[in-house]
mmCIF file of all heavy atoms, coordinates in Angstrom:
data_MODEL
# 
_entry.id   MODEL 
# 
loop_
_atom_site.group_PDB 
_atom_site.id 
_atom_site.type_symbol 
_atom_site.label_atom_id 
_atom_site.label_alt_id 
_atom_site.label_comp_id 
_atom_site.label_asym_id 
_atom_site.label_entity_id 
_atom_site.label_seq_id 
_atom_site.pdbx_PDB_ins_code 
_atom_site.Cartn_x 
_atom_site.Cartn_y 
_atom_site.Cartn_z 
_atom_site.occupancy 
_atom_site.B_iso_or_equiv 
_atom_site.pdbx_formal_charge 
_atom_site.auth_seq_id 
_atom_site.auth_comp_id 
_atom_site.auth_asym_id 
_atom_site.auth_atom_id 
_atom_site.pdbx_PDB_model_num 
ATOM 1   N N   . MET A 1 1  ? 172.741 -10.430 40.336 1.00 0.00 ? 1  MET A N   1 
ATOM 2   C CA  . MET A 1 1  ? 172.485 -9.231  41.192 1.00 0.00 ? 1  MET A CA  1 
ATOM 3   C C   . MET A 1 1  ? 173.087 -8.002  40.425 1.00 0.00 ? 1  MET A C   1 
ATOM 4   O O   . MET A 1 1  ? 172.333 -6.983  40.490 1.00 0.00 ? 1  MET A O   1 
ATOM 5   C CB  . MET A 1 1  ? 173.408 -9.322  42.351 1.00 0.00 ? 1  MET A CB  1 
ATOM 6   C CG  . MET A 1 1  ? 172.838 -10.322 43.502 1.00 0.00 ? 1  MET A CG  1 
ATOM 7   S SD  . MET A 1 1  ? 173.765 -10.444 44.951 1.00 0.00 ? 1  MET A SD  1 
ATOM 8   C CE  . MET A 1 1  ? 173.715 -8.803  45.594 1.00 0.00 ? 1  MET A CE  1 
ATOM 9   N N   . ILE A 1 2  ? 174.142 -8.032  39.669 1.00 0.00 ? 2  ILE A N   1 
ATOM 10  C CA  . ILE A 1 2  ? 174.643 -6.808  38.941 1.00 0.00 ? 2  ILE A CA  1 
ATOM 11  C C   . ILE A 1 2  ? 173.640 -6.555  37.759 1.00 0.00 ? 2  ILE A C   1 
ATOM 12  O O   . ILE A 1 2  ? 173.347 -5.387  37.577 1.00 0.00 ? 2  ILE A O   1 
ATOM 13  C CB  . ILE A 1 2  ? 175.996 -7.314  38.288 1.00 0.00 ? 2  ILE A CB  1 
ATOM 14  C CG1 . ILE A 1 2  ? 176.969 -7.380  39.413 1.00 0.00 ? 2  ILE A CG1 1 
ATOM 15  C CG2 . ILE A 1 2  ? 176.415 -6.146  37.313 1.00 0.00 ? 2  ILE A CG2 1 
ATOM 16  C CD1 . ILE A 1 2  ? 178.323 -7.702  38.931 1.00 0.00 ? 2  ILE A CD1 1 
ATOM 17  N N   . SER A 1 3  ? 173.111 -7.643  37.050 1.00 0.00 ? 3  SER A N   1 
ATOM 18  C CA  . SER A 1 3  ? 172.180 -7.209  36.035 1.00 0.00 ? 3  SER A CA  1 
ATOM 19  C C   . SER A 1 3  ? 170.896 -6.680  36.518 1.00 0.00 ? 3  SER A C   1 
ATOM 20  O O   . SER A 1 3  ? 170.261 -5.736  35.972 1.00 0.00 ? 3  SER A O   1 
ATOM 21  C CB  . SER A 1 3  ? 171.885 -8.404  35.156 1.00 0.00 ? 3  SER A CB  1 
ATOM 22  O OG  . SER A 1 3  ? 171.227 -9.401  35.969 1.00 0.00 ? 3  SER A OG  1 
ATOM 23  N N   . ASN A 1 4  ? 170.277 -7.046  37.715 1.00 0.00 ? 4  ASN A N   1 
ATOM 24  C CA  . ASN A 1 4  ? 169.228 -6.500  38.346 1.00 0.00 ? 4  ASN A CA  1 
ATOM 25  C C   . ASN A 1 4  ? 169.496 -5.030  38.771 1.00 0.00 ? 4  ASN A C   1 
ATOM 26  O O   . ASN A 1 4  ? 168.538 -4.241  38.435 1.00 0.00 ? 4  ASN A O   1 
ATOM 27  C CB  . ASN A 1 4  ? 168.755 -7.234  39.531 1.00 0.00 ? 4  ASN A CB  1 
ATOM 28  C CG  . ASN A 1 4  ? 168.228 -8.612  39.187 1.00 0.00 ? 4  ASN A CG  1 
ATOM 29  O OD1 . ASN A 1 4  ? 167.599 -8.796  38.048 1.00 0.00 ? 4  ASN A OD1 1 
ATOM 30  N ND2 . ASN A 1 4  ? 168.129 -9.525  40.198 1.00 0.00 ? 4  ASN A ND2 1 
ATOM 31  N N   . LYS A 1 5  ? 170.636 -4.723  39.202 1.00 0.00 ? 5  LYS A N   1 
ATOM 32  C CA  . LYS A 1 5  ? 170.983 -3.340  39.662 1.00 0.00 ? 5  LYS A CA  1 
ATOM 33  C C   . LYS A 1 5  ? 171.077 -2.435  38.428 1.00 0.00 ? 5  LYS A C   1 
ATOM 34  O O   . LYS A 1 5  ? 170.635 -1.304  38.384 1.00 0.00 ? 5  LYS A O   1 
ATOM 35  C CB  . LYS A 1 5  ? 172.376 -3.297  40.415 1.00 0.00 ? 5  LYS A CB  1 
ATOM 36  C CG  . LYS A 1 5  ? 172.257 -3.896  41.734 1.00 0.00 ? 5  LYS A CG  1 
ATOM 37  C CD  . LYS A 1 5  ? 171.417 -2.942  42.615 1.00 0.00 ? 5  LYS A CD  1 
ATOM 38  C CE  . LYS A 1 5  ? 171.330 -3.404  44.072 1.00 0.00 ? 5  LYS A CE  1 
ATOM 39  N NZ  . LYS A 1 5  ? 170.320 -2.701  44.836 1.00 0.00 ? 5  LYS A NZ  1 
ATOM 40  N N   . VAL A 1 6  ? 171.741 -2.952  37.287 1.00 0.00 ? 6  VAL A N   1 
ATOM 41  C CA  . VAL A 1 6  ? 171.829 -2.234  36.068 1.00 0.00 ? 6  VAL A CA  1 
ATOM 42  C C   . VAL A 1 6  ? 170.418 -2.035  35.451 1.00 0.00 ? 6  VAL A C   1 
ATOM 43  O O   . VAL A 1 6  ? 170.126 -0.787  35.000 1.00 0.00 ? 6  VAL A O   1 
ATOM 44  C CB  . VAL A 1 6  ? 172.765 -2.936  35.135 1.00 0.00 ? 6  VAL A CB  1 
ATOM 45  C CG1 . VAL A 1 6  ? 172.661 -2.337  33.698 1.00 0.00 ? 6  VAL A CG1 1 
ATOM 46  C CG2 . VAL A 1 6  ? 174.259 -2.834  35.572 1.00 0.00 ? 6  VAL A CG2 1 
ATOM 47  N N   . HIS A 1 7  ? 169.619 -2.913  35.601 1.00 0.00 ? 7  HIS A N   1 
ATOM 48  C CA  . HIS A 1 7  ? 168.162 -2.748  35.179 1.00 0.00 ? 7  HIS A CA  1 
ATOM 49  C C   . HIS A 1 7  ? 167.473 -1.808  35.888 1.00 0.00 ? 7  HIS A C   1 
ATOM 50  O O   . HIS A 1 7  ? 166.545 -1.076  35.315 1.00 0.00 ? 7  HIS A O   1 
ATOM 51  C CB  . HIS A 1 7  ? 167.427 -4.238  35.182 1.00 0.00 ? 7  HIS A CB  1 
ATOM 52  C CG  . HIS A 1 7  ? 166.096 -4.077  34.697 1.00 0.00 ? 7  HIS A CG  1 
ATOM 53  N ND1 . HIS A 1 7  ? 165.751 -4.101  33.354 1.00 0.00 ? 7  HIS A ND1 1 
ATOM 54  C CD2 . HIS A 1 7  ? 164.921 -4.225  35.244 1.00 0.00 ? 7  HIS A CD2 1 
ATOM 55  C CE1 . HIS A 1 7  ? 164.454 -3.955  33.152 1.00 0.00 ? 7  HIS A CE1 1 
ATOM 56  N NE2 . HIS A 1 7  ? 163.869 -4.086  34.470 1.00 0.00 ? 7  HIS A NE2 1 
ATOM 57  N N   . ASN A 1 8  ? 167.771 -1.539  37.102 1.00 0.00 ? 8  ASN A N   1 
ATOM 58  C CA  . ASN A 1 8  ? 167.199 -0.546  38.014 1.00 0.00 ? 8  ASN A CA  1 
ATOM 59  C C   . ASN A 1 8  ? 167.892 0.788   37.806 1.00 0.00 ? 8  ASN A C   1 
ATOM 60  O O   . ASN A 1 8  ? 167.449 1.652   38.715 1.00 0.00 ? 8  ASN A O   1 
ATOM 61  C CB  . ASN A 1 8  ? 167.181 -1.101  39.443 1.00 0.00 ? 8  ASN A CB  1 
ATOM 62  C CG  . ASN A 1 8  ? 166.204 -2.150  39.782 1.00 0.00 ? 8  ASN A CG  1 
ATOM 63  O OD1 . ASN A 1 8  ? 165.187 -2.304  38.983 1.00 0.00 ? 8  ASN A OD1 1 
ATOM 64  N ND2 . ASN A 1 8  ? 166.553 -2.982  40.796 1.00 0.00 ? 8  ASN A ND2 1 
ATOM 65  N N   . GLY A 1 9  ? 168.650 1.024   37.065 1.00 0.00 ? 9  GLY A N   1 
ATOM 66  C CA  . GLY A 1 9  ? 169.182 2.273   36.695 1.00 0.00 ? 9  GLY A CA  1 
ATOM 67  C C   . GLY A 1 9  ? 170.544 2.569   37.247 1.00 0.00 ? 9  GLY A C   1 
ATOM 68  O O   . GLY A 1 9  ? 171.138 3.644   37.054 1.00 0.00 ? 9  GLY A O   1 
ATOM 69  N N   . PHE A 1 10 ? 171.213 1.581   37.856 1.00 0.00 ? 10 PHE A N   1 
ATOM 70  C CA  . PHE A 1 10 ? 172.684 1.793   38.223 1.00 0.00 ? 10 PHE A CA  1 
ATOM 71  C C   . PHE A 1 10 ? 173.559 1.675   37.116 1.00 0.00 ? 10 PHE A C   1 
ATOM 72  O O   . PHE A 1 10 ? 173.255 0.905   36.133 1.00 0.00 ? 10 PHE A O   1 
ATOM 73  C CB  . PHE A 1 10 ? 172.978 0.743   39.343 1.00 0.00 ? 10 PHE A CB  1 
ATOM 74  C CG  . PHE A 1 10 ? 172.415 1.153   40.720 1.00 0.00 ? 10 PHE A CG  1 
ATOM 75  C CD1 . PHE A 1 10 ? 171.193 0.688   41.035 1.00 0.00 ? 10 PHE A CD1 1 
ATOM 76  C CD2 . PHE A 1 10 ? 173.126 1.817   41.620 1.00 0.00 ? 10 PHE A CD2 1 
ATOM 77  C CE1 . PHE A 1 10 ? 170.635 0.956   42.359 1.00 0.00 ? 10 PHE A CE1 1 
ATOM 78  C CE2 . PHE A 1 10 ? 172.674 2.109   42.874 1.00 0.00 ? 10 PHE A CE2 1 
ATOM 79  C CZ  . PHE A 1 10 ? 171.337 1.713   43.136 1.00 0.00 ? 10 PHE A CZ  1 
ATOM 80  N N   . THR A 1 11 ? 174.751 2.271   37.282 1.00 0.00 ? 11 THR A N   1 
ATOM 81  C CA  . THR A 1 11 ? 175.724 1.982   36.222 1.00 0.00 ? 11 THR A CA  1 
ATOM 82  C C   . THR A 1 11 ? 176.944 1.298   36.828 1.00 0.00 ? 11 THR A C   1 
ATOM 83  O O   . THR A 1 11 ? 177.383 1.595   38.032 1.00 0.00 ? 11 THR A O   1 
ATOM 84  C CB  . THR A 1 11 ? 176.282 3.443   35.603 1.00 0.00 ? 11 THR A CB  1 
ATOM 85  O OG1 . THR A 1 11 ? 176.717 4.171   36.617 1.00 0.00 ? 11 THR A OG1 1 
ATOM 86  C CG2 . THR A 1 11 ? 175.161 4.083   34.863 1.00 0.00 ? 11 THR A CG2 1 
ATOM 87  N N   . LEU A 1 12 ? 177.549 0.473   36.170 1.00 0.00 ? 12 LEU A N   1 
ATOM 88  C CA  . LEU A 1 12 ? 178.694 -0.412  36.617 1.00 0.00 ? 12 LEU A CA  1 
ATOM 89  C C   . LEU A 1 12 ? 179.882 0.461   36.529 1.00 0.00 ? 12 LEU A C   1 
ATOM 90  O O   . LEU A 1 12 ? 180.415 0.929   35.469 1.00 0.00 ? 12 LEU A O   1 
ATOM 91  C CB  . LEU A 1 12 ? 178.862 -1.703  35.906 1.00 0.00 ? 12 LEU A CB  1 
ATOM 92  C CG  . LEU A 1 12 ? 179.931 -2.671  36.324 1.00 0.00 ? 12 LEU A CG  1 
ATOM 93  C CD1 . LEU A 1 12 ? 179.538 -3.236  37.654 1.00 0.00 ? 12 LEU A CD1 1 
ATOM 94  C CD2 . LEU A 1 12 ? 179.986 -3.825  35.367 1.00 0.00 ? 12 LEU A CD2 1 
ATOM 95  N N   . GLU A 1 13 ? 180.501 0.734   37.724 1.00 0.00 ? 13 GLU A N   1 
ATOM 96  C CA  . GLU A 1 13 ? 181.781 1.479   37.708 1.00 0.00 ? 13 GLU A CA  1 
ATOM 97  C C   . GLU A 1 13 ? 183.032 0.659   37.824 1.00 0.00 ? 13 GLU A C   1 
ATOM 98  O O   . GLU A 1 13 ? 183.983 0.934   37.219 1.00 0.00 ? 13 GLU A O   1 
ATOM 99  C CB  . GLU A 1 13 ? 181.911 2.400   38.932 1.00 0.00 ? 13 GLU A CB  1 
ATOM 100 C CG  . GLU A 1 13 ? 180.953 3.545   38.878 1.00 0.00 ? 13 GLU A CG  1 
ATOM 101 C CD  . GLU A 1 13 ? 181.183 4.611   39.986 1.00 0.00 ? 13 GLU A CD  1 
ATOM 102 O OE1 . GLU A 1 13 ? 182.183 4.397   40.661 1.00 0.00 ? 13 GLU A OE1 1 
ATOM 103 O OE2 . GLU A 1 13 ? 180.427 5.489   40.012 1.00 0.00 ? 13 GLU A OE2 1 
ATOM 104 N N   . GLU A 1 14 ? 182.920 -0.538  38.487 1.00 0.00 ? 14 GLU A N   1 
ATOM 105 C CA  . GLU A 1 14 ? 184.198 -1.430  38.686 1.00 0.00 ? 14 GLU A CA  1 
ATOM 106 C C   . GLU A 1 14 ? 183.625 -2.763  38.932 1.00 0.00 ? 14 GLU A C   1 
ATOM 107 O O   . GLU A 1 14 ? 182.620 -2.991  39.617 1.00 0.00 ? 14 GLU A O   1 
ATOM 108 C CB  . GLU A 1 14 ? 185.001 -0.968  39.799 1.00 0.00 ? 14 GLU A CB  1 
ATOM 109 C CG  . GLU A 1 14 ? 186.208 -1.880  40.013 1.00 0.00 ? 14 GLU A CG  1 
ATOM 110 C CD  . GLU A 1 14 ? 187.094 -1.280  41.149 1.00 0.00 ? 14 GLU A CD  1 
ATOM 111 O OE1 . GLU A 1 14 ? 186.888 -0.199  41.792 1.00 0.00 ? 14 GLU A OE1 1 
ATOM 112 O OE2 . GLU A 1 14 ? 188.007 -2.087  41.617 1.00 0.00 ? 14 GLU A OE2 1 
ATOM 113 N N   . ARG A 1 15 ? 184.282 -3.741  38.258 1.00 0.00 ? 15 ARG A N   1 
ATOM 114 C CA  . ARG A 1 15 ? 183.847 -5.085  38.450 1.00 0.00 ? 15 ARG A CA  1 
ATOM 115 C C   . ARG A 1 15 ? 185.087 -6.093  38.498 1.00 0.00 ? 15 ARG A C   1 
ATOM 116 O O   . ARG A 1 15 ? 186.102 -5.927  37.696 1.00 0.00 ? 15 ARG A O   1 
ATOM 117 C CB  . ARG A 1 15 ? 183.037 -5.610  37.331 1.00 0.00 ? 15 ARG A CB  1 
ATOM 118 C CG  . ARG A 1 15 ? 182.617 -7.087  37.372 1.00 0.00 ? 15 ARG A CG  1 
ATOM 119 C CD  . ARG A 1 15 ? 181.633 -7.547  36.433 1.00 0.00 ? 15 ARG A CD  1 
ATOM 120 N NE  . ARG A 1 15 ? 181.264 -8.975  36.521 1.00 0.00 ? 15 ARG A NE  1 
ATOM 121 C CZ  . ARG A 1 15 ? 180.267 -9.489  36.085 1.00 0.00 ? 15 ARG A CZ  1 
ATOM 122 N NH1 . ARG A 1 15 ? 179.327 -8.815  35.350 1.00 0.00 ? 15 ARG A NH1 1 
ATOM 123 N NH2 . ARG A 1 15 ? 180.064 -10.861 36.166 1.00 0.00 ? 15 ARG A NH2 1 
ATOM 124 N N   . ASN A 1 16 ? 185.153 -6.875  39.430 1.00 0.00 ? 16 ASN A N   1 
ATOM 125 C CA  . ASN A 1 16 ? 186.310 -7.831  39.544 1.00 0.00 ? 16 ASN A CA  1 
ATOM 126 C C   . ASN A 1 16 ? 185.806 -9.313  39.719 1.00 0.00 ? 16 ASN A C   1 
ATOM 127 O O   . ASN A 1 16 ? 185.018 -9.599  40.632 1.00 0.00 ? 16 ASN A O   1 
ATOM 128 C CB  . ASN A 1 16 ? 187.129 -7.464  40.895 1.00 0.00 ? 16 ASN A CB  1 
ATOM 129 C CG  . ASN A 1 16 ? 188.346 -8.289  40.970 1.00 0.00 ? 16 ASN A CG  1 
ATOM 130 O OD1 . ASN A 1 16 ? 188.536 -9.506  40.499 1.00 0.00 ? 16 ASN A OD1 1 
ATOM 131 N ND2 . ASN A 1 16 ? 189.354 -7.733  41.671 1.00 0.00 ? 16 ASN A ND2 1 
ATOM 132 N N   . ASP A 1 17 ? 186.010 -9.915  38.557 1.00 0.00 ? 17 ASP A N   1 
ATOM 133 C CA  . ASP A 1 17 ? 185.584 -11.411 38.548 1.00 0.00 ? 17 ASP A CA  1 
ATOM 134 C C   . ASP A 1 17 ? 186.435 -12.359 39.339 1.00 0.00 ? 17 ASP A C   1 
ATOM 135 O O   . ASP A 1 17 ? 185.876 -13.501 39.554 1.00 0.00 ? 17 ASP A O   1 
ATOM 136 C CB  . ASP A 1 17 ? 185.425 -11.769 37.030 1.00 0.00 ? 17 ASP A CB  1 
ATOM 137 C CG  . ASP A 1 17 ? 184.333 -11.109 36.442 1.00 0.00 ? 17 ASP A CG  1 
ATOM 138 O OD1 . ASP A 1 17 ? 183.241 -10.888 36.990 1.00 0.00 ? 17 ASP A OD1 1 
ATOM 139 O OD2 . ASP A 1 17 ? 184.373 -10.843 35.275 1.00 0.00 ? 17 ASP A OD2 1 
ATOM 140 N N   . GLU A 1 18 ? 187.646 -12.122 39.724 1.00 0.00 ? 18 GLU A N   1 
ATOM 141 C CA  . GLU A 1 18 ? 188.405 -12.960 40.493 1.00 0.00 ? 18 GLU A CA  1 
ATOM 142 C C   . GLU A 1 18 ? 187.959 -12.971 41.959 1.00 0.00 ? 18 GLU A C   1 
ATOM 143 O O   . GLU A 1 18 ? 187.797 -13.996 42.614 1.00 0.00 ? 18 GLU A O   1 
ATOM 144 C CB  . GLU A 1 18 ? 189.840 -12.560 40.410 1.00 0.00 ? 18 GLU A CB  1 
ATOM 145 C CG  . GLU A 1 18 ? 190.528 -12.784 39.179 1.00 0.00 ? 18 GLU A CG  1 
ATOM 146 C CD  . GLU A 1 18 ? 192.013 -12.431 39.137 1.00 0.00 ? 18 GLU A CD  1 
ATOM 147 O OE1 . GLU A 1 18 ? 192.490 -12.319 40.187 1.00 0.00 ? 18 GLU A OE1 1 
ATOM 148 O OE2 . GLU A 1 18 ? 192.550 -12.319 38.085 1.00 0.00 ? 18 GLU A OE2 1 
ATOM 149 N N   . LEU A 1 19 ? 187.645 -11.734 42.534 1.00 0.00 ? 19 LEU A N   1 
ATOM 150 C CA  . LEU A 1 19 ? 187.352 -11.627 43.962 1.00 0.00 ? 19 LEU A CA  1 
ATOM 151 C C   . LEU A 1 19 ? 185.767 -11.507 44.025 1.00 0.00 ? 19 LEU A C   1 
ATOM 152 O O   . LEU A 1 19 ? 185.261 -11.420 45.158 1.00 0.00 ? 19 LEU A O   1 
ATOM 153 C CB  . LEU A 1 19 ? 188.017 -10.336 44.562 1.00 0.00 ? 19 LEU A CB  1 
ATOM 154 C CG  . LEU A 1 19 ? 189.448 -10.481 44.649 1.00 0.00 ? 19 LEU A CG  1 
ATOM 155 C CD1 . LEU A 1 19 ? 190.102 -9.216  45.182 1.00 0.00 ? 19 LEU A CD1 1 
ATOM 156 C CD2 . LEU A 1 19 ? 189.981 -11.585 45.540 1.00 0.00 ? 19 LEU A CD2 1 
ATOM 157 N N   . LEU A 1 20 ? 185.035 -11.450 42.980 1.00 0.00 ? 20 LEU A N   1 
ATOM 158 C CA  . LEU A 1 20 ? 183.605 -11.241 42.912 1.00 0.00 ? 20 LEU A CA  1 
ATOM 159 C C   . LEU A 1 20 ? 183.037 -10.150 43.681 1.00 0.00 ? 20 LEU A C   1 
ATOM 160 O O   . LEU A 1 20 ? 182.336 -10.293 44.623 1.00 0.00 ? 20 LEU A O   1 
ATOM 161 C CB  . LEU A 1 20 ? 182.987 -12.655 43.382 1.00 0.00 ? 20 LEU A CB  1 
ATOM 162 C CG  . LEU A 1 20 ? 183.244 -13.803 42.427 1.00 0.00 ? 20 LEU A CG  1 
ATOM 163 C CD1 . LEU A 1 20 ? 182.593 -15.093 43.027 1.00 0.00 ? 20 LEU A CD1 1 
ATOM 164 C CD2 . LEU A 1 20 ? 182.825 -13.619 41.049 1.00 0.00 ? 20 LEU A CD2 1 
ATOM 165 N N   . PHE A 1 21 ? 183.535 -9.008  43.189 1.00 0.00 ? 21 PHE A N   1 
ATOM 166 C CA  . PHE A 1 21 ? 182.812 -7.660  43.829 1.00 0.00 ? 21 PHE A CA  1 
ATOM 167 C C   . PHE A 1 21 ? 182.697 -6.771  42.595 1.00 0.00 ? 21 PHE A C   1 
ATOM 168 O O   . PHE A 1 21 ? 183.291 -6.805  41.639 1.00 0.00 ? 21 PHE A O   1 
ATOM 169 C CB  . PHE A 1 21 ? 183.691 -7.108  44.989 1.00 0.00 ? 21 PHE A CB  1 
ATOM 170 C CG  . PHE A 1 21 ? 184.852 -6.350  44.558 1.00 0.00 ? 21 PHE A CG  1 
ATOM 171 C CD1 . PHE A 1 21 ? 184.729 -5.055  44.149 1.00 0.00 ? 21 PHE A CD1 1 
ATOM 172 C CD2 . PHE A 1 21 ? 186.091 -6.872  44.369 1.00 0.00 ? 21 PHE A CD2 1 
ATOM 173 C CE1 . PHE A 1 21 ? 185.887 -4.288  43.767 1.00 0.00 ? 21 PHE A CE1 1 
ATOM 174 C CE2 . PHE A 1 21 ? 187.215 -6.261  44.076 1.00 0.00 ? 21 PHE A CE2 1 
ATOM 175 C CZ  . PHE A 1 21 ? 187.030 -4.966  43.767 1.00 0.00 ? 21 PHE A CZ  1 
ATOM 176 N N   . ALA A 1 22 ? 181.777 -5.875  42.769 1.00 0.00 ? 22 ALA A N   1 
ATOM 177 C CA  . ALA A 1 22 ? 181.451 -4.849  41.831 1.00 0.00 ? 22 ALA A CA  1 
ATOM 178 C C   . ALA A 1 22 ? 180.909 -3.596  42.540 1.00 0.00 ? 22 ALA A C   1 
ATOM 179 O O   . ALA A 1 22 ? 180.337 -3.677  43.647 1.00 0.00 ? 22 ALA A O   1 
ATOM 180 C CB  . ALA A 1 22 ? 180.420 -5.286  40.834 1.00 0.00 ? 22 ALA A CB  1 
ATOM 181 N N   . VAL A 1 23 ? 181.288 -2.447  41.938 1.00 0.00 ? 23 VAL A N   1 
ATOM 182 C CA  . VAL A 1 23 ? 180.828 -1.182  42.566 1.00 0.00 ? 23 VAL A CA  1 
ATOM 183 C C   . VAL A 1 23 ? 179.873 -0.556  41.582 1.00 0.00 ? 23 VAL A C   1 
ATOM 184 O O   . VAL A 1 23 ? 180.173 -0.285  40.275 1.00 0.00 ? 23 VAL A O   1 
ATOM 185 C CB  . VAL A 1 23 ? 181.955 -0.202  42.891 1.00 0.00 ? 23 VAL A CB  1 
ATOM 186 C CG1 . VAL A 1 23 ? 181.520 1.141   43.325 1.00 0.00 ? 23 VAL A CG1 1 
ATOM 187 C CG2 . VAL A 1 23 ? 182.975 -0.786  43.910 1.00 0.00 ? 23 VAL A CG2 1 
ATOM 188 N N   . LEU A 1 24 ? 178.647 -0.195  41.989 1.00 0.00 ? 24 LEU A N   1 
ATOM 189 C CA  . LEU A 1 24 ? 177.648 0.479   41.060 1.00 0.00 ? 24 LEU A CA  1 
ATOM 190 C C   . LEU A 1 24 ? 177.263 1.802   41.587 1.00 0.00 ? 24 LEU A C   1 
ATOM 191 O O   . LEU A 1 24 ? 177.332 2.000   42.759 1.00 0.00 ? 24 LEU A O   1 
ATOM 192 C CB  . LEU A 1 24 ? 176.515 -0.530  40.922 1.00 0.00 ? 24 LEU A CB  1 
ATOM 193 C CG  . LEU A 1 24 ? 176.729 -1.871  40.293 1.00 0.00 ? 24 LEU A CG  1 
ATOM 194 C CD1 . LEU A 1 24 ? 176.628 -2.926  41.359 1.00 0.00 ? 24 LEU A CD1 1 
ATOM 195 C CD2 . LEU A 1 24 ? 175.848 -2.191  39.206 1.00 0.00 ? 24 LEU A CD2 1 
ATOM 196 N N   . SER A 1 25 ? 176.891 2.671   40.645 1.00 0.00 ? 25 SER A N   1 
ATOM 197 C CA  . SER A 1 25 ? 176.510 3.982   41.097 1.00 0.00 ? 25 SER A CA  1 
ATOM 198 C C   . SER A 1 25 ? 175.236 4.410   40.364 1.00 0.00 ? 25 SER A C   1 
ATOM 199 O O   . SER A 1 25 ? 174.977 3.867   39.232 1.00 0.00 ? 25 SER A O   1 
ATOM 200 C CB  . SER A 1 25 ? 177.632 5.045   40.952 1.00 0.00 ? 25 SER A CB  1 
ATOM 201 O OG  . SER A 1 25 ? 177.768 5.176   39.568 1.00 0.00 ? 25 SER A OG  1 
ATOM 202 N N   . LYS A 1 26 ? 174.531 5.322   40.981 1.00 0.00 ? 26 LYS A N   1 
ATOM 203 C CA  . LYS A 1 26 ? 173.323 5.851   40.535 1.00 0.00 ? 26 LYS A CA  1 
ATOM 204 C C   . LYS A 1 26 ? 173.251 7.388   40.673 1.00 0.00 ? 26 LYS A C   1 
ATOM 205 O O   . LYS A 1 26 ? 173.331 7.709   41.797 1.00 0.00 ? 26 LYS A O   1 
ATOM 206 C CB  . LYS A 1 26 ? 172.127 5.182   41.087 1.00 0.00 ? 26 LYS A CB  1 
ATOM 207 C CG  . LYS A 1 26 ? 170.727 5.487   40.413 1.00 0.00 ? 26 LYS A CG  1 
ATOM 208 C CD  . LYS A 1 26 ? 169.640 4.771   41.222 1.00 0.00 ? 26 LYS A CD  1 
ATOM 209 C CE  . LYS A 1 26 ? 168.335 4.734   40.290 1.00 0.00 ? 26 LYS A CE  1 
ATOM 210 N NZ  . LYS A 1 26 ? 167.356 3.863   41.028 1.00 0.00 ? 26 LYS A NZ  1 
ATOM 211 N N   . GLY A 1 27 ? 173.214 8.215   39.652 1.00 0.00 ? 27 GLY A N   1 
ATOM 212 C CA  . GLY A 1 27 ? 173.315 9.512   39.806 1.00 0.00 ? 27 GLY A CA  1 
ATOM 213 C C   . GLY A 1 27 ? 171.981 10.087  40.473 1.00 0.00 ? 27 GLY A C   1 
ATOM 214 O O   . GLY A 1 27 ? 171.022 9.476   40.545 1.00 0.00 ? 27 GLY A O   1 
ATOM 215 N N   . GLY A 1 28 ? 172.132 11.354  40.862 1.00 0.00 ? 28 GLY A N   1 
ATOM 216 C CA  . GLY A 1 28 ? 170.920 11.957  41.482 1.00 0.00 ? 28 GLY A CA  1 
ATOM 217 C C   . GLY A 1 28 ? 169.953 12.322  40.595 1.00 0.00 ? 28 GLY A C   1 
ATOM 218 O O   . GLY A 1 28 ? 170.039 12.488  39.378 1.00 0.00 ? 28 GLY A O   1 
# 
């Protein structure tokens, strides 16, 4: 899911592999 979002232009801001969550952002 993260790699698909990054491929669609999002940038990874935060990733936690213990709790399995990530925050991604996409500029205007």
